Protein backbone atom coordinates (compact mmCIF):
# COMPACT_ATOMS: atom_id res chain seq x y z
CA MET A 1 -11.81 -21.27 4.73
CA ALA A 2 -12.57 -18.56 2.14
CA GLN A 3 -9.75 -17.27 -0.01
CA PRO A 4 -8.12 -14.19 1.56
CA LEU A 5 -8.39 -10.75 0.02
CA VAL A 6 -5.06 -9.89 -1.61
CA ILE A 7 -4.08 -6.21 -1.53
CA VAL A 8 -0.93 -5.15 -3.38
CA ILE A 9 0.66 -1.76 -2.76
CA GLY A 10 2.39 -1.05 -6.04
CA ASN A 11 4.20 1.62 -8.02
CA GLU A 12 7.43 1.17 -9.96
CA LYS A 13 8.75 4.51 -8.69
CA GLY A 14 10.57 4.69 -5.37
CA GLY A 15 9.67 7.34 -2.83
CA ALA A 16 5.95 7.43 -3.60
CA GLY A 17 4.96 6.33 -0.09
CA LYS A 18 4.13 2.65 -0.66
CA SER A 19 5.42 1.44 2.71
CA THR A 20 3.70 4.30 4.56
CA LEU A 21 0.38 3.31 3.00
CA ALA A 22 1.02 -0.39 3.61
CA ILE A 23 1.65 -0.07 7.36
CA HIS A 24 -1.37 2.21 7.85
CA ILE A 25 -3.70 -0.08 5.91
CA ALA A 26 -2.36 -3.08 7.82
CA THR A 27 -2.89 -1.52 11.25
CA GLY A 28 -6.35 -0.31 10.27
CA LEU A 29 -7.30 -3.87 9.29
CA LEU A 30 -5.74 -5.33 12.43
CA HIS A 31 -7.77 -3.02 14.66
CA ALA A 32 -10.88 -4.12 12.76
CA GLY A 33 -10.14 -7.66 13.95
CA LYS A 34 -8.88 -9.00 10.63
CA LYS A 35 -6.24 -11.72 10.40
CA VAL A 36 -3.62 -10.00 8.28
CA ALA A 37 -0.54 -11.59 6.71
CA ILE A 38 2.14 -9.28 5.34
CA LEU A 39 4.71 -9.95 2.64
CA ASP A 40 7.42 -7.32 2.14
CA LEU A 41 8.98 -7.75 -1.30
CA ASP A 42 11.35 -4.80 -1.01
CA LEU A 43 14.04 -7.31 -0.13
CA ARG A 44 16.85 -4.95 0.90
CA GLN A 45 14.89 -2.25 2.71
CA ARG A 46 11.87 -4.12 4.10
CA SER A 47 10.38 -1.06 5.79
CA MET A 48 7.06 -2.76 6.51
CA GLU A 49 8.68 -5.74 8.23
CA ARG A 50 10.96 -3.44 10.23
CA PHE A 51 7.96 -1.37 11.30
CA PHE A 52 6.25 -4.40 12.80
CA ALA A 53 9.50 -5.58 14.39
CA ASN A 54 9.68 -2.15 16.08
CA ARG A 55 6.08 -2.60 17.13
CA ALA A 56 6.77 -5.90 18.87
CA VAL A 57 9.65 -4.36 20.84
CA TRP A 58 7.65 -1.26 21.84
CA VAL A 59 4.62 -3.31 22.92
CA ALA A 60 6.76 -5.58 25.10
CA ALA A 61 8.65 -2.67 26.66
CA ASN A 62 5.46 -0.77 27.50
CA ASN A 63 3.28 -3.70 28.58
CA GLN A 64 0.70 -2.97 25.91
CA ASP A 65 -1.49 -5.29 23.86
CA LEU A 66 -1.70 -4.30 20.19
CA PRO A 67 -2.69 -6.54 17.27
CA MET A 68 0.11 -7.96 15.15
CA PRO A 69 0.12 -9.37 11.62
CA LEU A 70 1.33 -12.79 10.58
CA VAL A 71 4.70 -12.63 8.80
CA PRO A 72 5.43 -15.73 6.71
CA ASP A 73 9.19 -16.26 6.57
CA MET A 74 10.92 -15.55 3.27
CA GLY A 75 14.41 -15.71 4.76
CA ASP A 76 17.11 -13.07 4.91
CA GLY A 77 16.17 -10.22 2.59
CA LYS A 78 19.69 -9.20 1.56
CA ALA A 79 20.64 -12.78 0.75
CA LEU A 80 17.40 -13.28 -1.17
CA ALA A 81 18.06 -10.10 -3.15
CA ARG A 82 21.24 -11.75 -4.47
CA ALA A 83 19.46 -15.00 -5.35
CA THR A 84 18.25 -15.92 -8.82
CA PRO A 85 14.73 -14.86 -9.87
CA GLU A 86 13.71 -18.53 -9.74
CA GLU A 87 14.87 -18.86 -6.13
CA GLN A 88 13.15 -15.62 -5.18
CA LEU A 89 9.91 -16.77 -6.77
CA ALA A 90 10.06 -20.13 -4.99
CA ARG A 91 10.47 -18.38 -1.61
CA PHE A 92 7.58 -16.06 -2.41
CA GLU A 93 5.33 -18.91 -3.47
CA ALA A 94 6.05 -20.79 -0.23
CA ALA A 95 5.38 -17.74 1.94
CA TYR A 96 2.25 -16.88 -0.03
CA ALA A 97 0.93 -20.43 0.44
CA VAL A 98 1.36 -20.07 4.21
CA ALA A 99 -0.38 -16.69 4.17
CA GLN A 100 -3.34 -18.17 2.31
CA THR A 101 -3.98 -20.71 5.06
CA VAL A 102 -3.79 -18.38 8.07
CA SER A 103 -5.19 -15.00 7.01
CA GLU A 104 -8.24 -13.13 5.85
CA VAL A 105 -6.18 -10.43 4.14
CA ILE A 106 -2.76 -10.71 2.50
CA LEU A 107 -1.08 -7.32 2.22
CA ILE A 108 1.93 -7.16 -0.11
CA ASP A 109 4.34 -4.22 -0.26
CA THR A 110 6.31 -4.15 -3.51
CA PRO A 111 9.63 -2.52 -4.41
CA GLY A 112 10.08 0.58 -6.56
CA GLY A 113 10.89 -1.24 -9.77
CA ASP A 114 9.85 -4.00 -12.16
CA THR A 115 10.95 -7.28 -10.57
CA THR A 116 9.97 -10.93 -10.81
CA LEU A 117 8.43 -10.81 -7.35
CA SER A 118 6.52 -7.62 -8.04
CA ARG A 119 4.99 -9.08 -11.21
CA ALA A 120 4.03 -12.27 -9.36
CA ALA A 121 2.36 -10.25 -6.61
CA HIS A 122 0.43 -8.04 -9.02
CA ALA A 123 -0.95 -11.07 -10.86
CA ARG A 124 -2.43 -12.37 -7.59
CA ALA A 125 -4.00 -9.08 -6.51
CA ASP A 126 -7.67 -8.57 -5.87
CA GLN A 127 -6.87 -4.90 -5.38
CA ILE A 128 -3.88 -2.76 -6.31
CA VAL A 129 -3.35 0.49 -4.43
CA THR A 130 -0.91 2.85 -6.15
CA PRO A 131 0.33 5.93 -4.28
CA MET A 132 1.79 8.77 -6.30
CA ASN A 133 3.13 12.15 -5.26
CA ASP A 134 1.40 15.28 -6.47
CA SER A 135 3.77 15.58 -9.42
CA PHE A 136 4.08 14.94 -13.15
CA VAL A 137 7.31 13.10 -12.29
CA ASP A 138 5.23 10.39 -10.63
CA PHE A 139 2.45 10.58 -13.21
CA ASP A 140 5.00 9.75 -15.92
CA LEU A 141 4.97 6.11 -14.81
CA LEU A 142 1.20 5.99 -15.34
CA GLY A 143 0.80 8.07 -18.47
CA GLN A 144 2.85 10.08 -20.92
CA VAL A 145 1.95 13.66 -21.77
CA ASP A 146 2.86 15.87 -24.71
CA PRO A 147 5.85 18.04 -23.65
CA VAL A 148 4.35 21.11 -25.37
CA THR A 149 0.61 20.91 -24.67
CA LEU A 150 0.67 18.55 -21.65
CA GLU A 151 -2.15 16.62 -23.28
CA LEU A 152 -2.32 12.92 -22.41
CA GLN A 153 -0.69 10.81 -25.10
CA LYS A 154 -0.70 7.20 -23.93
CA PRO A 155 -0.41 4.89 -20.91
CA SER A 156 3.10 4.48 -19.54
CA ILE A 157 5.10 1.55 -18.16
CA TYR A 158 3.33 0.94 -14.84
CA SER A 159 -0.11 1.11 -16.44
CA GLU A 160 1.14 -1.50 -18.90
CA SER A 161 2.33 -3.67 -15.99
CA VAL A 162 -1.11 -3.57 -14.37
CA TRP A 163 -2.71 -4.41 -17.73
CA GLU A 164 -0.41 -7.45 -18.00
CA ALA A 165 -1.35 -8.52 -14.46
CA ARG A 166 -5.05 -8.24 -15.30
CA LYS A 167 -4.54 -10.24 -18.48
CA GLU A 168 -2.59 -12.97 -16.66
CA ARG A 169 -5.25 -13.28 -13.99
CA ALA A 170 -8.04 -13.45 -16.59
CA ILE A 171 -6.20 -16.26 -18.40
CA LYS A 172 -5.78 -18.25 -15.17
CA GLU A 173 -9.17 -17.61 -13.57
CA GLY A 174 -11.50 -16.73 -16.42
CA ARG A 175 -12.55 -13.53 -18.11
CA HIS A 176 -14.70 -12.45 -15.17
CA ALA A 177 -11.67 -12.27 -12.83
CA THR A 178 -10.97 -8.63 -12.07
CA ILE A 179 -8.38 -6.52 -10.28
CA ASP A 180 -9.64 -3.33 -8.69
CA TRP A 181 -7.05 -0.57 -9.16
CA LEU A 182 -7.07 2.48 -6.89
CA VAL A 183 -4.61 5.34 -7.45
CA VAL A 184 -4.22 7.72 -4.51
CA THR A 185 -2.45 11.06 -4.58
CA ASN A 186 -0.08 11.00 -1.64
CA ARG A 187 1.81 13.61 0.36
CA LEU A 188 -0.42 16.49 -0.73
CA GLN A 189 0.71 19.89 0.47
CA GLY A 190 -1.74 22.10 2.30
CA THR A 191 -1.82 24.79 -0.40
CA HIS A 192 -3.54 24.37 -3.75
CA ALA A 193 -1.54 24.86 -6.95
CA ARG A 194 -2.22 25.18 -10.67
CA ASN A 195 0.01 22.17 -11.25
CA ARG A 196 -2.42 20.04 -9.23
CA ASP A 197 -5.35 21.12 -11.43
CA ARG A 198 -3.42 20.10 -14.54
CA LEU A 199 -2.44 16.81 -12.98
CA GLU A 200 -5.96 15.97 -11.81
CA GLU A 201 -7.34 16.60 -15.29
CA ARG A 202 -4.84 14.17 -16.87
CA MET A 203 -5.46 11.66 -14.08
CA GLY A 204 -9.18 11.71 -14.85
CA LYS A 205 -8.59 11.10 -18.55
CA LEU A 206 -6.13 8.29 -17.93
CA ALA A 207 -8.41 6.66 -15.33
CA LYS A 208 -11.15 6.27 -17.95
CA ARG A 209 -8.67 4.97 -20.50
CA VAL A 210 -6.89 2.27 -18.48
CA GLY A 211 -9.46 1.56 -15.76
CA PHE A 212 -8.45 2.81 -12.34
CA ARG A 213 -10.24 4.75 -9.63
CA VAL A 214 -8.81 7.89 -8.02
CA GLY A 215 -8.98 8.39 -4.27
CA PRO A 216 -7.48 10.45 -1.45
CA GLY A 217 -4.14 9.45 0.01
CA LEU A 218 -2.28 10.77 3.04
CA ARG A 219 -1.12 14.36 3.31
CA GLU A 220 2.44 15.37 4.16
CA ARG A 221 2.31 15.19 7.97
CA VAL A 222 5.05 14.72 10.53
CA ILE A 223 2.83 12.26 12.42
CA TYR A 224 3.17 9.65 9.67
CA ARG A 225 6.95 9.64 10.21
CA GLU A 226 7.34 10.26 13.94
CA LEU A 227 5.41 7.14 14.98
CA PHE A 228 7.40 4.79 12.73
CA PRO A 229 10.26 4.09 15.22
CA PHE A 230 7.67 2.87 17.76
CA GLY A 231 5.92 0.64 15.22
CA LEU A 232 2.75 2.65 15.69
CA THR A 233 0.26 4.53 13.51
CA VAL A 234 -2.59 6.92 14.23
CA ALA A 235 -4.87 3.87 14.31
CA ASP A 236 -3.08 2.71 17.47
CA LEU A 237 -3.31 5.90 19.51
CA SER A 238 -5.47 5.78 22.62
CA ASN A 239 -5.40 6.90 26.24
CA GLU A 240 -3.00 4.03 26.97
CA VAL A 241 -0.95 4.20 23.75
CA ARG A 242 0.37 7.74 23.47
CA PRO A 243 4.14 7.95 22.92
CA VAL A 244 3.85 11.52 21.58
CA SER A 245 1.61 14.46 22.44
CA VAL A 246 -1.67 14.18 20.57
CA THR A 247 -2.74 17.20 18.51
CA MET A 248 -5.44 18.06 15.98
CA SER A 249 -3.03 16.85 13.30
CA HIS A 250 -3.39 13.33 14.71
CA VAL A 251 -7.18 13.57 14.54
CA SER A 252 -7.00 14.81 10.94
CA ALA A 253 -4.58 12.01 10.07
CA ARG A 254 -7.00 9.46 11.48
CA GLN A 255 -9.75 10.89 9.26
CA GLU A 256 -7.45 10.65 6.24
CA LEU A 257 -6.84 7.00 6.99
CA ARG A 258 -10.58 6.47 7.37
CA GLY A 259 -11.14 8.05 3.94
CA LEU A 260 -8.51 5.80 2.37
CA MET A 261 -10.04 2.65 3.87
CA ALA A 262 -13.50 3.73 2.70
CA ASP A 263 -12.28 4.20 -0.88
CA MET A 264 -10.72 0.75 -0.73
CA GLY A 265 -14.12 -0.67 0.18
CA LEU A 266 -12.96 -1.88 3.59
CA GLN A 267 -16.12 -0.77 5.37
CA ASP A 268 -15.70 -3.07 8.36
CA ALA A 269 -12.33 -1.46 9.11
CA LEU A 270 -13.85 2.00 9.57
CA SER A 271 -15.52 1.68 12.96
CA PRO A 272 -12.33 1.43 15.07
CA LEU A 273 -10.99 4.54 13.33
CA THR A 274 -13.88 6.73 14.47
CA ALA A 275 -12.83 6.61 18.13
CA ALA A 276 -10.98 9.68 19.28
CA ALA A 277 -7.32 9.20 20.09
């Protein structure tokens, strides 16, 4: 069996929308027929695991048949959060080994911080997807700017973490081993602003300097939140699966997800997303 594609959703800042991206990417891949294993390393919150637990309950209650990911057991999250870094790493390694044997894609959601587990996940990534809000507050973790001129000064702490992950992987697998890094601007508001122009200019400069691509994320839409309790995303909506009234916002959201998957290079996941909800 070929080695699975490893996708890491990463950003050391909380509230950037990592879990939202993770569950949408996962469901998009599942509907494309991929065998997906998920690992949720946000040990206390575990939003991605809870989403799929909600999904299992909703599917059973409504006699529906929706694809589910494989969830290798890492044990109780709260207890594991109190464990030593060595114990946490051992649990991760065991779960990751299981995921390797049963999946085509391993999707890893990481916490908002620099942890032992997050570093281990980044070093195994084939692709890192980093969501960031349309704000210099979020950009500060990628690059530092001059407080007077706003000119880019140097890469910041998360860019350094990705560089370390790339270096570690190159040491283990050879200099040709690469990690594709995609940064997506998330939760965009509908109106354009001068701040966004400034931010996009600095993003472009930093992308060339540290080696990431810039792509579209998901706009600020109620639909991305209102389907969470059901364990559903816009990729799931159909004539049979419709727990809320479908509007043009749902259609637009589906197109946003399609754009994200295309930028990730997941071409075989696009076809199911073209069907109208």
